[in-house]
Amino acid sequence: MEPFDKELDGILDKLSFSRLVDRLHAATPRDLAMDKWVKKEADVRPWQEKLREKVIELLGIDDILANRSKPEAEVQDPSDVKTIPGIKLEYLYIKSWLGSWIPAYVLKPEEPARSRLPAFVCLHGHGENKDSQTGLWYKDASATKAGIDLARMGYITISVDHWGWNERGYAGNRYDGNEAKYNLNLLLYGRTINGLRVHDAIRCVDYLLARDDVDPAKIGCIGLSLGGTLAMYTSAIDERIGLAVVEGYANTFKDSIVDISHCTCNYIPGMLKHAEMPDILGLVAPRPMFWVTGAKDEIFPIDAFNKARAQVDSLYKMLGVPGNFATHVHPRGHEYLGKQELDFIEQRFG
């Protein structure tokens, strides 16, 4: 490097916020990181319990989860909803926190193979909703359609509208329909938008377990992008989820959420003081988990995906269940393809 370039680099180093963040990341201890707590198999459970408690606290839902009541649902008339051949559709509202409702579609085969079926909470990404998840609205070829795909495979699925989208994105009153505004307002109250979304996903698990046609031993969670975010947190927190599929999200916070611009919902205050993303994903172990990413995904770099995969893979091997963790890298971008994750699900829940 030429002398002028070195001088300029030194000036930038003193003035650049990006470089400040790099130094901050290096200086932050992450006191609940897996590599600090876990040296042998006996260390895993105490570490998971400690980190799980902290994640629930940082999401701002510790008191909400502790005080939630039995699930209540108001069934709606589905006659104005498009029919799906071979599939029974139920349209309902599940009662949530502080009088709010979770709009949901439940799909079930018209001729179920047995009295109790595996069930999946299907979580949509940004710009999508329960309609695209269940195939009732065609967004584009990349849309997540796990809700309908799994129903056609013989499972019960529940797909919801997250805060900010579709029925929960009403734009006629103050700031409704503005996801960033939702999150910023909630931060003033010590809450986070993704915390409330995770709470809603857990309420869906509560609802599924109250049904007499659901196999309680086979509850899964799946999502792409924002849905992958929520699938990660929900499965990390709720051990009733027996299988997790995280699509287009598994990575590191530093290489993706910090270094690349993302929606505000991804920024959970204080998270990197305690843990990186692979640590949170490690809370799912030893339960089956499958990750999917695209080699050309521009917001979740493949090198960081591989870094996270190696760390979590070592945890599953330590626990003696390496077959419970698998990943797939497809040659495309930030999108849902479906086959490999559905095969993984069928091998374990079919």
Protein backbone atom coordinates (compact mmCIF):
# COMPACT_ATOMS: atom_id res chain seq x y z
CA MET A 1 0.00 0.00 0.00
CA GLU A 2 1.33 3.44 -0.98
CA PRO A 3 2.05 6.00 1.80
CA PHE A 4 -0.92 8.17 0.76
CA ASP A 5 -3.23 5.14 0.83
CA LYS A 6 -1.98 4.19 4.29
CA GLU A 7 -2.58 7.70 5.56
CA LEU A 8 -6.07 7.76 4.09
CA ASP A 9 -6.82 4.34 5.55
CA GLY A 10 -5.73 5.57 8.97
CA ILE A 11 -8.06 8.57 8.72
CA LEU A 12 -10.95 6.36 7.64
CA ASP A 13 -10.23 4.00 10.50
CA LYS A 14 -10.73 6.86 12.95
CA LEU A 15 -13.84 8.28 11.27
CA SER A 16 -15.67 5.25 9.86
CA PHE A 17 -18.72 3.99 11.74
CA SER A 18 -18.37 0.62 10.00
CA ARG A 19 -14.94 0.17 11.50
CA LEU A 20 -16.21 1.25 14.88
CA VAL A 21 -18.84 -1.48 14.65
CA ASP A 22 -16.16 -4.02 13.70
CA ARG A 23 -14.18 -3.08 16.81
CA LEU A 24 -17.32 -3.10 18.93
CA HIS A 25 -18.19 -6.59 17.73
CA ALA A 26 -14.68 -7.82 18.53
CA ALA A 27 -14.76 -6.19 21.98
CA THR A 28 -18.23 -7.47 22.96
CA PRO A 29 -17.86 -10.62 25.08
CA ARG A 30 -21.15 -12.43 24.21
CA ASP A 31 -21.32 -13.93 27.66
CA LEU A 32 -23.78 -16.70 26.75
CA ALA A 33 -22.02 -17.92 23.60
CA MET A 34 -21.97 -21.66 23.05
CA ASP A 35 -18.18 -21.90 22.82
CA LYS A 36 -17.81 -20.30 26.27
CA TRP A 37 -20.31 -22.55 28.03
CA VAL A 38 -20.23 -25.89 26.22
CA LYS A 39 -17.15 -28.07 26.53
CA LYS A 40 -18.87 -31.45 26.95
CA GLU A 41 -22.35 -32.93 26.51
CA ALA A 42 -23.34 -32.31 30.14
CA ASP A 43 -22.86 -28.58 29.60
CA VAL A 44 -25.43 -28.31 26.83
CA ARG A 45 -28.68 -28.31 28.77
CA PRO A 46 -27.64 -25.75 31.44
CA TRP A 47 -26.34 -23.45 28.69
CA GLN A 48 -29.53 -23.78 26.66
CA GLU A 49 -31.72 -23.01 29.65
CA LYS A 50 -29.70 -19.90 30.49
CA LEU A 51 -29.62 -18.56 26.93
CA ARG A 52 -33.27 -19.42 26.25
CA GLU A 53 -34.31 -17.37 29.27
CA LYS A 54 -32.21 -14.42 28.05
CA VAL A 55 -33.58 -14.59 24.49
CA ILE A 56 -37.16 -14.51 25.77
CA GLU A 57 -36.28 -11.50 27.91
CA LEU A 58 -34.59 -9.63 25.03
CA LEU A 59 -37.54 -10.28 22.72
CA GLY A 60 -39.65 -8.53 25.37
CA ILE A 61 -42.15 -11.35 25.87
CA ASP A 62 -41.06 -13.05 29.09
CA ASP A 63 -44.06 -11.83 31.09
CA ILE A 64 -46.49 -12.33 28.18
CA LEU A 65 -45.51 -15.97 27.73
CA ALA A 66 -45.59 -16.64 31.47
CA ASN A 67 -49.13 -15.30 31.84
CA ARG A 68 -50.84 -16.51 28.67
CA SER A 69 -54.20 -18.26 29.03
CA LYS A 70 -55.66 -21.29 27.32
CA PRO A 71 -56.08 -20.75 23.58
CA GLU A 72 -59.40 -19.40 22.37
CA ALA A 73 -60.39 -19.22 18.72
CA GLU A 74 -63.35 -17.67 16.92
CA VAL A 75 -64.16 -19.63 13.77
CA GLN A 76 -65.18 -17.58 10.74
CA ASP A 77 -67.30 -18.47 7.74
CA PRO A 78 -64.83 -19.56 5.05
CA SER A 79 -67.39 -19.44 2.23
CA ASP A 80 -65.88 -16.28 0.71
CA VAL A 81 -62.39 -17.82 0.68
CA LYS A 82 -61.16 -19.61 -2.42
CA THR A 83 -61.51 -23.38 -2.16
CA ILE A 84 -58.58 -25.78 -2.53
CA PRO A 85 -59.36 -29.19 -4.09
CA GLY A 86 -58.82 -32.02 -1.62
CA ILE A 87 -58.15 -29.63 1.26
CA LYS A 88 -60.46 -28.45 4.03
CA LEU A 89 -59.87 -24.81 4.96
CA GLU A 90 -60.73 -23.32 8.35
CA TYR A 91 -60.68 -19.55 8.81
CA LEU A 92 -60.32 -18.37 12.39
CA TYR A 93 -59.06 -15.72 14.78
CA ILE A 94 -56.97 -16.83 17.73
CA LYS A 95 -57.10 -14.54 20.74
CA SER A 96 -53.70 -13.06 21.50
CA TRP A 97 -52.20 -10.42 23.79
CA LEU A 98 -54.13 -7.37 25.09
CA GLY A 99 -57.27 -8.15 23.13
CA SER A 100 -55.56 -8.55 19.74
CA TRP A 101 -56.42 -11.32 17.29
CA ILE A 102 -54.26 -13.57 15.11
CA PRO A 103 -55.91 -14.12 11.68
CA ALA A 104 -55.20 -17.68 10.58
CA TYR A 105 -55.99 -20.31 7.99
CA VAL A 106 -55.87 -23.96 9.02
CA LEU A 107 -55.53 -26.45 6.17
CA LYS A 108 -56.27 -30.13 6.55
CA PRO A 109 -56.65 -33.00 4.06
CA GLU A 110 -60.31 -33.74 3.35
CA GLU A 111 -59.49 -37.43 3.73
CA PRO A 112 -56.87 -37.62 6.50
CA ALA A 113 -54.75 -40.75 6.70
CA ARG A 114 -55.33 -41.12 10.44
CA SER A 115 -57.21 -39.50 13.30
CA ARG A 116 -54.26 -37.43 14.52
CA LEU A 117 -51.93 -35.74 12.04
CA PRO A 118 -48.58 -33.98 12.29
CA ALA A 119 -49.04 -30.20 12.25
CA PHE A 120 -46.92 -27.25 11.17
CA VAL A 121 -46.88 -23.57 12.04
CA CYS A 122 -46.09 -21.92 8.69
CA LEU A 123 -44.60 -18.43 8.92
CA HIS A 124 -44.52 -16.06 5.94
CA GLY A 125 -41.84 -13.57 4.97
CA HIS A 126 -41.91 -9.84 4.25
CA GLY A 127 -44.38 -8.88 1.56
CA GLU A 128 -46.33 -12.12 1.97
CA ASN A 129 -49.20 -13.28 4.19
CA LYS A 130 -51.32 -16.27 5.11
CA ASP A 131 -52.94 -16.22 1.65
CA SER A 132 -49.65 -16.67 -0.21
CA GLN A 133 -48.51 -19.27 2.34
CA THR A 134 -51.62 -21.36 1.65
CA GLY A 135 -51.62 -20.89 -2.11
CA LEU A 136 -54.71 -18.67 -2.16
CA TRP A 137 -52.73 -15.73 -3.54
CA TYR A 138 -49.86 -16.07 -5.99
CA LYS A 139 -47.19 -13.53 -5.16
CA ASP A 140 -44.42 -14.84 -7.42
CA ALA A 141 -42.37 -17.97 -7.98
CA SER A 142 -40.25 -17.32 -4.88
CA ALA A 143 -43.18 -17.15 -2.45
CA THR A 144 -43.20 -19.52 0.51
CA LYS A 145 -46.00 -22.07 -0.01
CA ALA A 146 -45.25 -24.51 2.80
CA GLY A 147 -48.80 -24.15 4.16
CA ILE A 148 -50.37 -25.72 1.09
CA ASP A 149 -47.43 -28.01 0.23
CA LEU A 150 -47.51 -29.70 3.63
CA ALA A 151 -51.32 -29.94 3.64
CA ARG A 152 -51.14 -31.78 0.31
CA MET A 153 -48.62 -34.14 1.91
CA GLY A 154 -51.21 -35.04 4.55
CA TYR A 155 -50.38 -32.64 7.38
CA ILE A 156 -52.39 -29.99 9.22
CA THR A 157 -50.96 -26.51 8.74
CA ILE A 158 -51.70 -23.16 10.33
CA SER A 159 -50.67 -19.98 8.50
CA VAL A 160 -51.08 -16.53 10.03
CA ASP A 161 -50.79 -12.85 9.15
CA HIS A 162 -47.88 -11.28 11.04
CA TRP A 163 -48.14 -7.78 12.45
CA GLY A 164 -47.82 -5.39 9.52
CA TRP A 165 -49.25 -7.59 6.77
CA ASN A 166 -52.64 -8.30 5.20
CA GLU A 167 -55.39 -8.22 7.86
CA ARG A 168 -52.87 -6.89 10.39
CA GLY A 169 -51.53 -4.22 8.08
CA TYR A 170 -54.58 -1.97 7.96
CA ALA A 171 -53.34 1.45 6.83
CA GLY A 172 -56.29 3.64 7.79
CA ASN A 173 -55.47 4.45 11.41
CA ARG A 174 -52.38 6.45 12.45
CA TYR A 175 -49.37 4.22 11.71
CA ASP A 176 -50.95 0.83 10.97
CA GLY A 177 -49.33 -0.82 7.98
CA ASN A 178 -45.90 0.64 8.81
CA GLU A 179 -43.78 -2.19 10.16
CA ALA A 180 -40.83 0.03 11.11
CA LYS A 181 -43.16 2.31 13.07
CA TYR A 182 -44.61 -0.72 14.87
CA ASN A 183 -41.17 -1.78 16.01
CA LEU A 184 -39.99 1.69 17.05
CA ASN A 185 -43.14 2.26 19.09
CA LEU A 186 -42.81 -1.10 20.80
CA LEU A 187 -39.18 -0.40 21.76
CA LEU A 188 -40.41 2.48 23.90
CA TYR A 189 -42.40 -0.08 25.91
CA GLY A 190 -39.58 -2.62 26.16
CA ARG A 191 -41.20 -4.84 23.51
CA THR A 192 -40.15 -5.88 20.00
CA ILE A 193 -42.26 -6.56 16.92
CA ASN A 194 -40.59 -9.92 16.35
CA GLY A 195 -41.15 -10.77 19.99
CA LEU A 196 -44.89 -10.31 19.51
CA ARG A 197 -44.73 -12.32 16.29
CA VAL A 198 -42.92 -15.15 18.09
CA HIS A 199 -45.54 -15.00 20.83
CA ASP A 200 -48.24 -15.37 18.18
CA ALA A 201 -46.46 -18.40 16.70
CA ILE A 202 -46.35 -19.96 20.17
CA ARG A 203 -50.07 -19.24 20.54
CA CYS A 204 -50.55 -21.20 17.32
CA VAL A 205 -48.75 -24.14 18.94
CA ASP A 206 -51.06 -23.77 21.94
CA TYR A 207 -54.04 -23.86 19.59
CA LEU A 208 -52.81 -26.89 17.62
CA LEU A 209 -52.20 -28.86 20.81
CA ALA A 210 -55.78 -28.16 21.90
CA ARG A 211 -57.17 -29.82 18.76
CA ASP A 212 -58.11 -33.49 18.86
CA ASP A 213 -56.90 -34.10 15.29
CA VAL A 214 -53.27 -33.07 15.91
CA ASP A 215 -50.50 -35.46 16.93
CA PRO A 216 -48.92 -33.63 19.90
CA ALA A 217 -45.61 -35.43 19.37
CA LYS A 218 -45.28 -34.07 15.83
CA ILE A 219 -45.46 -30.28 15.83
CA GLY A 220 -43.20 -28.43 13.40
CA CYS A 221 -42.34 -24.87 12.44
CA ILE A 222 -41.21 -23.61 9.03
CA GLY A 223 -40.51 -20.22 7.44
CA LEU A 224 -38.45 -18.29 4.90
CA SER A 225 -36.76 -14.90 5.42
CA LEU A 226 -38.83 -13.11 8.11
CA GLY A 227 -40.55 -16.47 8.48
CA GLY A 228 -37.11 -18.04 8.97
CA THR A 229 -36.34 -15.46 11.65
CA LEU A 230 -39.52 -16.36 13.48
CA ALA A 231 -39.06 -20.09 12.94
CA MET A 232 -35.61 -19.79 14.53
CA TYR A 233 -36.75 -17.87 17.60
CA THR A 234 -39.98 -19.83 18.05
CA SER A 235 -38.28 -23.23 17.81
CA ALA A 236 -35.43 -22.07 20.06
CA ILE A 237 -37.90 -20.98 22.73
CA ASP A 238 -40.70 -23.54 22.49
CA GLU A 239 -39.48 -27.10 23.02
CA ARG A 240 -42.88 -28.49 22.08
CA ILE A 241 -41.81 -27.90 18.49
CA GLY A 242 -40.33 -31.21 17.40
CA LEU A 243 -38.91 -30.13 14.04
CA ALA A 244 -37.68 -26.77 12.75
CA VAL A 245 -37.06 -25.63 9.18
CA VAL A 246 -35.20 -22.30 8.83
CA GLU A 247 -35.07 -21.03 5.25
CA GLY A 248 -33.18 -18.00 4.00
CA TYR A 249 -32.05 -16.81 7.43
CA ALA A 250 -29.51 -19.06 9.20
CA ASN A 251 -26.27 -17.07 9.20
CA THR A 252 -24.48 -14.79 11.68
CA PHE A 253 -25.85 -11.48 12.92
CA LYS A 254 -22.52 -9.78 12.21
CA ASP A 255 -22.15 -10.89 8.59
CA SER A 256 -25.78 -10.34 7.68
CA ILE A 257 -27.93 -8.23 9.98
CA VAL A 258 -25.09 -5.90 11.05
CA ASP A 259 -23.12 -5.59 7.82
CA ILE A 260 -26.07 -5.60 5.39
CA SER A 261 -29.15 -3.37 5.65
CA HIS A 262 -32.21 -5.26 6.86
CA CYS A 263 -35.73 -4.53 8.08
CA THR A 264 -35.81 -3.00 11.56
CA CYS A 265 -37.52 -6.04 13.07
CA ASN A 266 -34.21 -7.94 12.90
CA TYR A 267 -32.49 -5.70 15.43
CA ILE A 268 -33.21 -7.05 18.90
CA PRO A 269 -31.67 -4.64 21.44
CA GLY A 270 -28.77 -6.16 23.33
CA MET A 271 -28.76 -9.54 21.56
CA LEU A 272 -25.11 -9.41 20.51
CA LYS A 273 -24.03 -8.67 24.06
CA HIS A 274 -25.03 -12.23 24.87
CA ALA A 275 -25.13 -14.45 21.78
CA GLU A 276 -24.62 -14.77 18.04
CA MET A 277 -27.16 -16.32 15.69
CA PRO A 278 -25.61 -19.84 15.70
CA ASP A 279 -25.95 -19.84 19.48
CA ILE A 280 -29.68 -19.21 19.22
CA LEU A 281 -30.03 -21.85 16.51
CA GLY A 282 -28.20 -24.22 18.83
CA LEU A 283 -31.11 -24.01 21.28
CA VAL A 284 -33.09 -26.27 18.93
CA ALA A 285 -30.67 -29.18 19.44
CA PRO A 286 -31.09 -32.14 19.71
CA ARG A 287 -34.45 -31.78 17.92
CA PRO A 288 -34.43 -32.22 14.13
CA MET A 289 -33.56 -29.02 12.25
CA PHE A 290 -33.08 -28.24 8.57
CA TRP A 291 -31.61 -25.10 7.04
CA VAL A 292 -31.97 -23.89 3.47
CA THR A 293 -30.16 -21.03 1.78
CA GLY A 294 -29.41 -19.82 -1.73
CA ALA A 295 -25.84 -19.62 -3.00
CA LYS A 296 -26.81 -16.29 -4.59
CA ASP A 297 -28.69 -14.90 -1.57
CA GLU A 298 -27.37 -11.34 -1.37
CA ILE A 299 -28.56 -10.59 2.17
CA PHE A 300 -27.47 -13.81 3.88
CA PRO A 301 -23.88 -14.52 2.72
CA ILE A 302 -23.01 -18.13 2.01
CA ASP A 303 -19.64 -17.98 3.85
CA ALA A 304 -21.37 -16.96 7.07
CA PHE A 305 -24.02 -19.65 6.51
CA ASN A 306 -21.20 -22.21 6.36
CA LYS A 307 -19.59 -20.74 9.49
CA ALA A 308 -22.87 -21.07 11.42
CA ARG A 309 -23.48 -24.55 10.02
CA ALA A 310 -20.10 -25.82 11.25
CA GLN A 311 -20.76 -24.54 14.76
CA VAL A 312 -24.24 -26.04 15.06
CA ASP A 313 -23.17 -29.27 13.37
CA SER A 314 -20.51 -29.77 16.07
CA LEU A 315 -23.19 -29.38 18.74
CA TYR A 316 -25.41 -32.06 17.20
CA LYS A 317 -22.42 -34.37 16.93
CA MET A 318 -21.58 -33.76 20.60
CA LEU A 319 -25.16 -34.73 21.48
CA GLY A 320 -24.86 -37.93 19.43
CA VAL A 321 -27.55 -37.05 16.89
CA PRO A 322 -25.72 -35.74 13.80
CA GLY A 323 -28.53 -37.01 11.58
CA ASN A 324 -30.99 -34.59 13.20
CA PHE A 325 -29.27 -31.61 11.60
CA ALA A 326 -29.09 -31.12 7.85
CA THR A 327 -28.75 -28.25 5.41
CA HIS A 328 -29.27 -27.55 1.72
CA VAL A 329 -27.72 -24.87 -0.48
CA HIS A 330 -29.57 -24.31 -3.75
CA PRO A 331 -28.07 -22.38 -6.69
CA ARG A 332 -30.57 -19.53 -6.61
CA GLY A 333 -31.24 -16.49 -4.44
CA HIS A 334 -33.50 -15.59 -1.52
CA GLU A 335 -36.44 -17.87 -2.24
CA TYR A 336 -38.42 -20.98 -1.37
CA LEU A 337 -37.99 -24.10 -3.50
CA GLY A 338 -39.49 -26.72 -1.23
CA LYS A 339 -38.26 -30.18 -2.16
CA GLN A 340 -35.32 -30.85 0.17
CA GLU A 341 -36.95 -29.45 3.30
CA LEU A 342 -40.20 -31.28 2.56
CA ASP A 343 -38.25 -34.53 2.11
CA PHE A 344 -36.53 -33.94 5.48
CA ILE A 345 -39.92 -33.39 7.12
CA GLU A 346 -41.43 -36.49 5.51
CA GLN A 347 -38.54 -38.67 6.67
CA ARG A 348 -39.22 -37.72 10.30
CA PHE A 349 -42.94 -36.94 10.48
CA GLY A 350 -44.40 -38.87 7.53
